[in-house]
Protein backbone atom coordinates (compact mmCIF):
# COMPACT_ATOMS: atom_id res chain seq x y z
CA MET A 1 -70.63 27.99 48.27
CA SER A 2 -68.55 28.45 45.10
CA ILE A 3 -65.91 25.80 44.01
CA SER A 4 -63.30 26.53 41.31
CA THR A 5 -62.55 23.33 39.20
CA GLY A 6 -60.75 24.78 36.15
CA GLY A 7 -59.56 27.87 34.42
CA SER A 8 -57.87 30.43 36.60
CA ARG A 9 -57.35 29.33 40.16
CA ARG A 10 -57.41 31.55 43.21
CA SER A 11 -54.99 30.64 45.95
CA ALA A 12 -56.75 30.48 49.29
CA PRO A 13 -55.18 32.44 52.14
CA LYS A 14 -53.24 30.20 54.41
CA LYS A 15 -54.49 29.85 57.96
CA SER A 16 -52.72 28.65 61.05
CA THR A 17 -52.38 24.92 61.46
CA THR A 18 -54.27 22.95 64.08
CA ALA A 19 -52.90 21.58 67.28
CA ALA A 20 -52.21 18.22 65.57
CA GLY A 21 -49.56 19.92 63.32
CA GLY A 22 -48.87 19.09 59.70
CA ALA A 23 -52.58 19.00 58.85
CA ASN A 24 -53.25 19.58 55.18
CA ALA A 25 -55.70 21.87 53.50
CA ASN A 26 -58.41 19.24 53.85
CA GLY A 27 -58.12 19.32 57.57
CA LYS A 28 -58.44 23.08 57.63
CA ASN A 29 -61.53 23.04 55.45
CA ARG A 30 -63.18 20.54 57.66
CA ALA A 31 -62.46 22.60 60.75
CA GLN A 32 -63.96 25.70 59.19
CA ALA A 33 -67.01 24.00 57.77
CA ASN A 34 -67.89 22.02 60.88
CA GLY A 35 -67.00 24.79 63.30
CA LYS A 36 -70.34 26.53 62.87
CA ASN A 37 -72.55 23.45 63.11
CA ARG A 38 -70.53 21.51 65.60
CA THR A 39 -68.68 22.30 68.71
CA PRO A 40 -65.11 23.43 68.41
CA ALA A 41 -63.97 20.28 70.08
CA ALA A 42 -65.82 18.07 67.63
CA GLY A 43 -64.53 20.08 64.68
CA ALA A 44 -61.02 19.85 65.96
CA SER A 45 -61.34 16.08 66.49
CA THR A 46 -62.63 15.57 63.01
CA ALA A 47 -59.87 17.74 61.49
CA LYS A 48 -57.26 15.97 63.55
CA ALA A 49 -58.48 12.55 62.53
CA ASN A 50 -58.64 13.46 58.88
CA GLY A 51 -55.26 15.19 59.05
CA ALA A 52 -53.70 12.18 60.74
CA ALA A 53 -55.12 9.88 58.05
CA THR A 54 -53.80 12.16 55.33
CA ASP A 55 -50.35 12.36 56.92
CA SER A 56 -50.26 8.59 57.25
CA SER A 57 -51.09 8.20 53.55
CA GLU A 58 -48.45 10.75 52.57
CA ASP A 59 -45.81 9.03 54.71
CA SER A 60 -46.55 5.64 53.18
CA VAL A 61 -46.30 7.10 49.65
CA THR A 62 -43.03 8.83 50.49
CA SER A 63 -41.58 5.65 52.04
CA ALA A 64 -42.67 3.40 49.16
CA ALA A 65 -41.55 5.73 46.36
CA GLU A 66 -38.14 6.44 48.02
CA LYS A 67 -37.39 10.02 47.17
CA ASN A 68 -39.84 10.23 44.28
CA SER A 69 -40.52 13.82 45.35
CA THR A 70 -41.39 15.04 41.90
CA GLU A 71 -44.44 12.83 41.45
CA THR A 72 -45.59 13.29 45.08
CA SER A 73 -45.24 17.07 44.91
CA SER A 74 -47.22 17.33 41.70
CA THR A 75 -49.92 15.07 43.12
CA GLU A 76 -50.19 17.09 46.34
CA LYS A 77 -50.47 20.33 44.37
CA SER A 78 -53.28 18.85 42.31
CA ALA A 79 -55.07 17.69 45.45
CA THR A 80 -54.57 21.04 47.16
CA ALA A 81 -55.90 22.91 44.12
CA THR A 82 -58.96 20.67 44.09
CA LYS A 83 -59.57 21.11 47.79
CA ALA A 84 -59.70 24.90 47.71
CA PRO A 85 -61.19 26.38 50.88
CA VAL A 86 -64.89 26.83 50.67
CA LYS A 87 -66.49 29.87 52.22
CA SER A 88 -69.26 28.81 54.55
CA THR A 89 -72.69 30.30 54.05
CA SER A 90 -75.19 31.19 56.64
CA THR A 91 -77.30 28.09 56.01
CA ALA A 92 -76.49 24.84 57.83
CA ALA A 93 -77.31 22.69 54.80
CA LYS A 94 -74.54 24.16 52.70
CA SER A 95 -72.06 23.85 55.57
CA THR A 96 -73.03 20.23 56.08
CA SER A 97 -72.51 19.22 52.41
CA THR A 98 -69.00 20.66 52.18
CA PRO A 99 -67.22 18.03 54.30
CA ALA A 100 -68.68 15.25 52.15
CA LYS A 101 -67.26 16.70 48.96
CA SER A 102 -63.92 17.37 50.63
CA THR A 103 -63.81 13.82 51.92
CA ALA A 104 -64.44 12.42 48.41
CA THR A 105 -61.73 14.61 46.97
CA THR A 106 -59.30 13.44 49.65
CA LYS A 107 -60.03 9.79 48.84
CA THR A 108 -59.38 10.44 45.15
CA ALA A 109 -56.04 12.09 45.90
CA SER A 110 -55.12 9.30 48.30
CA SER A 111 -55.93 6.64 45.65
CA ALA A 112 -53.78 8.48 43.07
CA LYS A 113 -50.90 8.70 45.51
CA THR A 114 -51.20 5.00 46.38
CA ALA A 115 -51.23 3.96 42.70
CA SER A 116 -48.21 6.19 41.99
CA ALA A 117 -46.37 4.67 44.94
CA LYS A 118 -47.09 1.13 43.70
CA THR A 119 -45.84 2.01 40.23
CA ALA A 120 -42.67 3.53 41.63
CA THR A 121 -42.18 0.53 43.95
CA ALA A 122 -42.57 -1.94 41.07
CA THR A 123 -40.21 0.02 38.78
CA LYS A 124 -37.42 0.86 41.19
CA PRO A 125 -35.95 -2.65 41.80
CA LYS A 126 -35.53 -3.14 38.03
CA VAL A 127 -33.67 0.16 37.73
CA GLN A 128 -31.45 -0.70 40.68
CA SER A 129 -30.80 -4.15 39.24
CA ALA A 130 -29.79 -2.64 35.93
CA LEU A 131 -27.49 -0.05 37.54
CA VAL A 132 -26.03 -2.07 40.39
CA GLY A 133 -25.98 -5.44 38.68
CA GLY A 134 -27.47 -7.19 41.70
CA GLY A 135 -29.72 -10.19 41.78
CA LYS A 136 -29.30 -13.74 40.60
CA ARG A 137 -30.82 -13.11 37.20
CA GLY A 138 -28.24 -10.50 36.17
CA SER A 139 -29.17 -7.42 34.21
CA ALA A 140 -29.18 -6.05 30.70
CA LEU A 141 -26.15 -3.85 31.42
CA THR A 142 -23.99 -6.49 33.12
CA ALA A 143 -25.08 -9.45 30.91
CA GLY A 144 -25.32 -11.90 33.82
CA LYS A 145 -25.54 -15.68 33.53
CA GLY A 146 -29.25 -15.90 34.22
CA GLY A 147 -30.43 -13.37 31.72
CA GLY A 148 -29.66 -10.24 29.82
CA ARG A 149 -28.41 -9.79 26.30
CA ARG A 150 -25.03 -11.23 25.52
CA PRO A 151 -22.53 -9.02 23.66
CA VAL A 152 -22.51 -9.57 19.94
CA THR A 153 -19.16 -10.66 18.54
CA PRO A 154 -18.20 -8.42 15.60
CA VAL A 155 -17.98 -10.23 12.30
CA ARG A 156 -14.98 -9.44 10.15
CA VAL A 157 -15.75 -9.02 6.51
CA ALA A 158 -12.84 -9.99 4.28
CA GLU A 159 -12.20 -7.33 1.69
CA PRO A 160 -11.51 -8.59 -1.85
CA ARG A 161 -7.92 -8.21 -2.95
CA ASN A 162 -7.09 -5.73 -5.66
CA TRP A 163 -5.52 -8.13 -8.15
CA GLY A 164 -4.72 -5.42 -10.73
CA PRO A 165 -1.62 -3.96 -9.01
CA ILE A 166 -0.56 -7.42 -7.85
CA LEU A 167 -0.63 -8.85 -11.37
CA LEU A 168 1.08 -5.74 -12.76
CA PHE A 169 3.85 -5.97 -10.17
CA THR A 170 4.29 -9.70 -10.83
CA ALA A 171 4.43 -9.21 -14.59
CA THR A 172 6.95 -6.38 -14.23
CA GLY A 173 9.12 -8.54 -11.99
CA LEU A 174 9.00 -11.44 -14.46
CA VAL A 175 9.94 -9.17 -17.37
CA ALA A 176 12.83 -7.73 -15.36
CA LEU A 177 14.04 -11.21 -14.48
CA ALA A 178 13.77 -12.27 -18.12
CA ILE A 179 15.82 -9.28 -19.25
CA ILE A 180 18.47 -9.95 -16.62
CA GLY A 181 18.51 -13.61 -17.57
CA VAL A 182 18.95 -12.87 -21.27
CA SER A 183 21.77 -10.42 -20.57
CA LEU A 184 23.51 -12.94 -18.33
CA VAL A 185 23.38 -15.77 -20.85
CA PRO A 186 26.36 -14.57 -22.95
CA VAL A 187 28.35 -13.87 -19.79
CA ILE A 188 27.65 -17.35 -18.46
CA GLN A 189 28.43 -18.94 -21.80
CA GLN A 190 31.66 -16.97 -22.03
CA TRP A 191 32.57 -18.02 -18.51
CA GLN A 192 31.89 -21.65 -19.38
CA LYS A 193 34.17 -21.38 -22.39
CA GLY A 194 37.06 -20.25 -20.23
CA THR A 195 39.55 -17.47 -20.96
CA TRP A 196 39.92 -16.07 -24.45
CA ARG A 197 43.26 -17.85 -24.85
CA GLU A 198 41.61 -21.16 -23.90
CA GLN A 199 38.89 -20.46 -26.44
CA VAL A 200 41.47 -19.75 -29.13
CA ALA A 201 43.25 -23.01 -28.35
CA ALA A 202 39.95 -24.90 -28.77
CA ILE A 203 39.34 -23.64 -32.36
CA PRO A 204 40.34 -26.35 -34.84
CA GLY A 205 42.67 -25.22 -37.66
CA LEU A 206 43.60 -21.90 -36.00
CA ILE A 207 47.23 -20.76 -36.61
CA ASN A 208 49.07 -19.17 -33.70
CA TYR A 209 52.12 -17.13 -34.76
CA LEU A 210 52.87 -15.89 -31.26
CA ASP A 211 53.38 -19.19 -29.44
CA PRO A 212 57.06 -20.19 -29.46
CA ASP A 213 56.04 -23.85 -29.15
CA SER A 214 53.88 -23.62 -32.29
CA PRO A 215 55.36 -24.69 -35.65
CA SER A 216 53.91 -21.46 -37.10
CA TYR A 217 55.74 -19.21 -34.68
CA ASP A 218 57.24 -16.07 -36.33
CA ALA A 219 59.26 -13.58 -34.30
CA SER A 220 58.70 -10.82 -36.86
CA VAL A 221 55.03 -10.74 -35.93
CA THR A 222 55.84 -9.49 -32.47
CA SER A 223 57.36 -6.25 -33.79
CA GLY A 224 55.03 -3.24 -33.87
CA ILE A 225 57.29 -0.56 -35.27
CA HIS A 226 55.98 2.03 -37.73
CA GLN A 227 57.54 2.09 -41.19
CA ALA A 228 56.70 4.11 -44.29
CA GLY A 229 56.41 2.77 -47.82
CA ASP A 230 55.75 -0.74 -49.09
CA LEU A 231 56.39 -3.57 -46.65
CA THR A 232 56.79 -7.31 -47.16
CA TYR A 233 55.19 -9.89 -44.82
CA PRO A 234 56.01 -13.60 -44.40
CA MET A 235 52.32 -14.65 -44.54
CA THR A 236 49.38 -13.62 -46.70
CA PRO A 237 47.36 -11.81 -45.54
CA PRO A 238 49.72 -10.49 -42.83
CA VAL A 239 48.82 -10.81 -39.09
CA GLY A 240 51.40 -8.53 -37.49
CA GLY A 241 54.85 -6.99 -37.70
CA PRO A 242 55.97 -3.55 -38.84
CA HIS A 243 53.18 -1.36 -40.29
CA ASN A 244 52.29 2.12 -41.50
CA GLY A 245 51.74 4.92 -39.05
CA TYR A 246 48.06 5.29 -40.14
CA TRP A 247 45.50 2.61 -39.54
CA GLN A 248 42.61 1.61 -41.74
CA ASN A 249 39.24 2.70 -40.30
CA CYS A 250 37.77 -0.33 -38.56
CA MET A 251 34.34 0.72 -37.24
CA GLY A 252 32.43 -2.06 -38.98
CA ASP A 253 33.67 -0.91 -42.41
CA VAL A 254 33.07 -3.16 -45.44
CA TYR A 255 35.46 -2.31 -48.31
CA THR A 256 34.65 -3.61 -51.80
CA ALA A 257 38.18 -3.00 -53.14
CA GLU A 258 41.68 -3.84 -51.98
CA ILE A 259 43.19 -1.89 -49.11
CA ALA A 260 46.86 -1.42 -48.19
CA GLU A 261 48.21 -4.22 -45.98
CA GLU A 262 50.33 -1.71 -44.05
CA HIS A 263 47.21 0.17 -42.92
CA ALA A 264 45.26 -3.04 -42.08
CA VAL A 265 48.06 -4.41 -39.87
CA HIS A 266 47.96 -1.20 -37.86
CA SER A 267 44.23 -1.81 -37.31
CA LEU A 268 45.05 -5.32 -36.00
CA GLU A 269 47.41 -3.73 -33.49
CA HIS A 270 44.41 -1.80 -32.06
CA GLY A 271 42.48 -5.05 -31.55
CA ALA A 272 40.45 -5.34 -34.79
CA VAL A 273 39.56 -8.52 -36.71
CA TRP A 274 40.16 -8.29 -40.46
CA ILE A 275 38.18 -10.60 -42.77
CA THR A 276 39.47 -11.11 -46.32
CA TYR A 277 38.00 -13.11 -49.20
CA ARG A 278 38.93 -14.03 -52.72
CA PRO A 279 37.16 -11.93 -55.37
CA ASP A 280 35.68 -15.11 -56.91
CA LEU A 281 33.70 -15.92 -53.72
CA PRO A 282 29.97 -16.17 -54.48
CA GLN A 283 28.01 -13.05 -53.62
CA ASP A 284 25.75 -14.77 -51.11
CA GLN A 285 28.88 -15.85 -49.21
CA ILE A 286 30.23 -12.30 -49.33
CA ASP A 287 26.90 -11.02 -47.95
CA LYS A 288 27.02 -13.44 -45.02
CA LEU A 289 30.47 -12.20 -44.14
CA ALA A 290 29.39 -8.58 -44.48
CA ARG A 291 26.52 -9.11 -41.99
CA ARG A 292 29.08 -10.13 -39.36
CA VAL A 293 31.01 -6.90 -39.91
CA GLU A 294 28.63 -4.04 -40.70
CA GLY A 295 28.13 -1.60 -37.83
CA ARG A 296 30.34 -3.52 -35.44
CA GLU A 297 33.33 -1.75 -33.92
CA PHE A 298 36.82 -3.23 -34.31
CA MET A 299 35.79 -5.10 -37.45
CA LEU A 300 36.71 -4.52 -41.16
CA MET A 301 36.40 -6.52 -44.37
CA SER A 302 37.96 -6.34 -47.87
CA PRO A 303 38.78 -8.54 -50.87
CA TYR A 304 42.30 -10.00 -51.08
CA PRO A 305 43.36 -11.48 -54.41
CA ASN A 306 45.63 -14.55 -54.65
CA GLN A 307 45.09 -15.82 -51.09
CA ASP A 308 45.21 -19.61 -50.78
CA ALA A 309 41.73 -19.96 -49.14
CA PRO A 310 38.35 -18.56 -50.10
CA ILE A 311 38.03 -16.86 -46.70
CA SER A 312 40.69 -15.83 -44.20
CA LEU A 313 40.35 -14.20 -40.75
CA GLN A 314 43.20 -12.21 -39.14
CA ALA A 315 43.83 -10.89 -35.62
CA TRP A 316 47.17 -9.75 -34.22
CA GLY A 317 49.26 -12.97 -34.23
CA TYR A 318 46.35 -15.34 -35.16
CA GLN A 319 44.83 -16.58 -38.42
CA LEU A 320 42.01 -18.89 -39.52
CA LYS A 321 41.27 -19.98 -43.10
CA VAL A 322 37.91 -21.52 -44.11
CA ASP A 323 36.12 -22.45 -47.31
CA ASN A 324 32.55 -21.42 -46.50
CA ALA A 325 30.89 -18.42 -44.84
CA ASP A 326 28.62 -20.79 -42.87
CA ASP A 327 31.57 -22.26 -40.95
CA SER A 328 30.84 -21.87 -37.22
CA ARG A 329 34.54 -21.34 -36.48
CA ILE A 330 34.22 -17.84 -37.95
CA ASP A 331 32.03 -16.73 -35.04
CA ASP A 332 34.28 -18.51 -32.53
CA PHE A 333 37.31 -16.66 -33.89
CA ILE A 334 35.58 -13.26 -33.70
CA SER A 335 34.24 -13.91 -30.18
CA ALA A 336 37.62 -14.98 -28.80
CA LEU A 337 39.98 -12.47 -30.44
CA ARG A 338 38.15 -9.21 -31.16
CA LEU A 339 39.64 -6.61 -28.77
CA ASN A 340 41.44 -9.36 -26.81
CA ALA A 341 44.35 -9.63 -29.26
CA SER A 342 45.00 -5.89 -29.00
CA GLN A 343 48.59 -4.68 -28.62
CA GLU A 344 47.43 -1.21 -27.65
CA GLU A 345 44.62 -1.50 -25.12
CA GLY A 346 42.20 1.40 -25.35
CA ALA A 347 43.29 2.42 -28.87
CA SER A 348 40.53 3.64 -31.21
CA CYS A 349 39.39 2.21 -34.53
CA SER A 350 37.82 5.45 -35.74
CA GLY A 351 39.61 8.36 -37.47
CA GLY A 352 41.71 6.11 -39.73
CA ILE A 353 42.11 5.83 -43.48
CA THR A 354 38.74 5.36 -45.15
CA GLU A 355 40.01 5.10 -48.76
CA ALA A 356 40.29 1.71 -50.40
CA THR A 357 43.80 1.88 -51.85
CA LYS A 358 46.35 -0.88 -52.45
CA VAL A 359 49.30 1.45 -52.11
CA PRO A 360 49.95 2.76 -48.59
CA LEU A 361 49.60 6.45 -48.06
CA ASP A 362 53.09 7.53 -46.99
CA PHE A 363 52.71 10.17 -44.30
CA GLY A 364 56.13 9.67 -42.74
CA GLU A 365 55.93 8.27 -39.26
CA GLY A 366 52.20 8.97 -39.27
CA MET A 367 49.95 8.12 -36.40
CA SER A 368 50.84 5.85 -33.56
């Protein structure tokens, strides 16, 4: 008798099953081995008994494992390979020993199948509990009350704020507000002072030649006709009346010598303020006056001999005389009357006479 336990396996030719049906290879081997030493009936009984026992074991494994066909199939193949049919020899001793070995092999296969069935039986309820969510204890997937892992609440991590852009935006906004505030201050102050006429009325010592109710009223001041040659005015320096056709340039010009009155009055008609001073005024006082004029449109300045006050300010129809360049009324006069006292709104102060001459330049009717 030769038994193959490893290496290349030879598949035994299949023979017809016994009358019991469904008998495995072990049953067939027993029938062949015992057929020569025992009667056919005894051999068939033994094969049937062993086959029935094997079928019972297989049924219990299949029922316990519930469709675990993969493990059962592999186990049966291993058992079948181990229980390869043994060719009987002519001696009775060899035929007698074969059933014993086959029986031992069958027990080993049956034990393996039983252990596999127990493992499958013990594992399957846990899998079903996890998938179905049954049972009082709950499961890991459904997180029941009695057990399982509870879901972890996500923790929000607060990101630090980028203070750079915030501070930059805040600083920019503050600077913008400061600029707007500074620009609005003069407007608010001007609004609080009232109209320019109200401001003029509030300046102490100011002379108004245009108001008929004023003791200084002079009707000649209201005339704005152009006349050539030398002209005579009722007040010194003059504040209005007939004048030359060309105006004195009044774009913040500071003249160090006398200029023709006839040209200066024409500048007043365009809305300029003309500051005059006596030649004996100290230089520091002259410099303070010049700083109010230089580079400022609709302003001009020149010396005027023989005036009755050290400093005199003229606008069309208005006059203010002071003794000192630090007098605050000078700034009030300029603020209230520059451009506002204009008799020709929109007229220019550029393009006029730039020469410092006491005698008017007679160009006929001249400019308007």
